[in-house]
Amino acid sequence: VQLQASGGGLVQPGGSLRLSCAASGSIFSINDMGWYRQAPGKERELVALISNGGSTNYAASVKGRFTISRDNAKNTVYLQMHSLKPEDTGVYYCNVEIRGIEYWGKGTLVTVSS
């Protein structure tokens, strides 16, 4: 299983970005899909998670600003980010769970700076 993330970049505070992550390979059924991020000098943290049934879970720091969604037909997960803050800066990783095994993408860099 391979995960290809895209959509990162440089954005000013208050701006928006949309991340995408497409899974490919031997996929039968994806359970949870999620986004994590790692800021410089910090540990990786959960940003948002979405189950196969569409239930979502967000880190407190992004609630109301970020929206996670998925397209099961395309094996793709999205993260729409609004009102971005400098503290949202980091490498964003997508993660999927298939039959109890977790897979990680290589990460896409998001930089929020003026």
Protein backbone atom coordinates (compact mmCIF):
# COMPACT_ATOMS: atom_id res chain seq x y z
CA VAL A 1 0.00 0.00 0.00
CA GLN A 2 1.34 3.40 -0.97
CA LEU A 3 0.10 6.77 0.22
CA GLN A 4 0.68 9.90 -1.83
CA ALA A 5 0.01 13.19 -0.08
CA SER A 6 -0.21 16.57 -1.77
CA GLY A 7 -1.39 20.11 -1.17
CA GLY A 8 1.14 21.47 1.28
CA GLY A 9 2.88 24.79 0.82
CA LEU A 10 3.46 28.26 2.19
CA VAL A 11 0.43 30.25 3.29
CA GLN A 12 -0.07 33.45 5.24
CA PRO A 13 -1.76 33.43 8.64
CA GLY A 14 -5.50 33.32 8.19
CA GLY A 15 -5.21 31.53 4.87
CA SER A 16 -6.45 28.13 3.73
CA LEU A 17 -5.00 24.96 2.31
CA ARG A 18 -6.43 21.61 1.28
CA LEU A 19 -4.41 18.46 1.69
CA SER A 20 -5.14 15.25 -0.19
CA CYS A 21 -3.83 11.75 0.30
CA ALA A 22 -4.55 8.90 -2.09
CA ALA A 23 -3.95 5.27 -1.21
CA SER A 24 -3.01 2.76 -3.88
CA GLY A 25 -1.94 -0.86 -4.06
CA SER A 26 -3.52 -3.98 -2.63
CA ILE A 27 -6.44 -2.39 -0.82
CA PHE A 28 -9.45 -4.37 0.25
CA SER A 29 -11.07 -1.99 2.67
CA ILE A 30 -9.71 0.99 4.55
CA ASN A 31 -10.91 1.48 8.09
CA ASP A 32 -9.73 4.68 9.74
CA MET A 33 -8.02 7.42 7.76
CA GLY A 34 -6.27 10.30 9.42
CA TRP A 35 -3.87 13.18 9.39
CA TYR A 36 -1.03 13.73 11.81
CA ARG A 37 1.50 16.51 11.97
CA GLN A 38 4.94 17.07 13.38
CA ALA A 39 6.18 20.54 14.16
CA PRO A 40 9.91 21.25 14.40
CA GLY A 41 11.27 19.93 17.67
CA LYS A 42 7.98 18.33 18.65
CA GLU A 43 6.46 14.88 18.58
CA ARG A 44 4.00 13.78 15.94
CA GLU A 45 0.41 14.48 16.97
CA LEU A 46 -3.02 13.52 15.72
CA VAL A 47 -4.79 16.28 13.80
CA ALA A 48 -7.95 14.57 12.60
CA LEU A 49 -9.36 11.10 12.11
CA ILE A 50 -12.29 9.76 10.10
CA SER A 51 -13.73 6.27 10.33
CA ASN A 52 -15.05 4.16 7.49
CA GLY A 53 -18.52 5.17 8.60
CA GLY A 54 -17.71 8.87 8.53
CA SER A 55 -17.29 9.57 12.24
CA THR A 56 -14.69 12.25 12.86
CA ASN A 57 -12.35 13.21 15.67
CA TYR A 58 -10.25 16.37 15.86
CA ALA A 59 -7.47 17.70 17.99
CA ALA A 60 -8.76 20.51 20.19
CA SER A 61 -6.37 22.97 18.57
CA VAL A 62 -7.95 22.55 15.12
CA LYS A 63 -11.64 22.10 15.92
CA GLY A 64 -13.77 24.52 13.99
CA ARG A 65 -10.96 25.35 11.56
CA PHE A 66 -10.10 22.00 9.94
CA THR A 67 -12.41 19.49 8.25
CA ILE A 68 -11.47 15.93 7.39
CA SER A 69 -13.34 14.02 4.72
CA ARG A 70 -12.87 10.94 2.59
CA ASP A 71 -13.86 9.53 -0.77
CA ASN A 72 -14.01 5.77 -0.40
CA ALA A 73 -14.37 5.19 -4.13
CA LYS A 74 -11.04 6.96 -4.66
CA ASN A 75 -9.36 5.69 -1.46
CA THR A 76 -8.58 9.31 -0.70
CA VAL A 77 -8.66 11.39 2.46
CA TYR A 78 -8.75 15.19 2.53
CA LEU A 79 -7.97 17.83 5.10
CA GLN A 80 -9.46 21.26 4.51
CA MET A 81 -7.68 23.82 6.66
CA HIS A 82 -8.97 27.33 7.28
CA SER A 83 -7.84 30.21 9.49
CA LEU A 84 -4.34 28.82 9.55
CA LYS A 85 -2.02 29.92 12.32
CA PRO A 86 1.80 29.88 12.55
CA GLU A 87 1.50 27.07 15.10
CA ASP A 88 -0.09 24.90 12.41
CA THR A 89 3.28 24.78 10.68
CA GLY A 90 4.73 21.30 10.33
CA VAL A 91 4.96 18.20 8.21
CA TYR A 92 1.54 16.64 7.73
CA TYR A 93 1.35 12.87 7.38
CA CYS A 94 -1.61 10.83 6.24
CA ASN A 95 -2.30 7.51 7.86
CA VAL A 96 -4.64 4.67 7.00
CA GLU A 97 -5.49 1.47 8.78
CA ILE A 98 -6.19 -1.65 6.73
CA ARG A 99 -6.90 -4.95 8.47
CA GLY A 100 -5.12 -3.82 11.61
CA ILE A 101 -2.02 -2.56 9.84
CA GLU A 102 -1.18 1.14 9.72
CA TYR A 103 0.37 2.76 6.68
CA TRP A 104 2.00 6.19 6.53
CA GLY A 105 2.57 8.65 3.74
CA LYS A 106 5.86 10.51 3.38
CA GLY A 107 4.44 13.81 4.55
CA THR A 108 3.77 17.18 3.06
CA LEU A 109 5.13 20.41 4.51
CA VAL A 110 2.75 23.16 5.59
CA THR A 111 4.32 26.50 6.48
CA VAL A 112 2.18 29.30 7.89
CA SER A 113 4.13 32.51 7.86
CA SER A 114 3.87 36.12 6.79
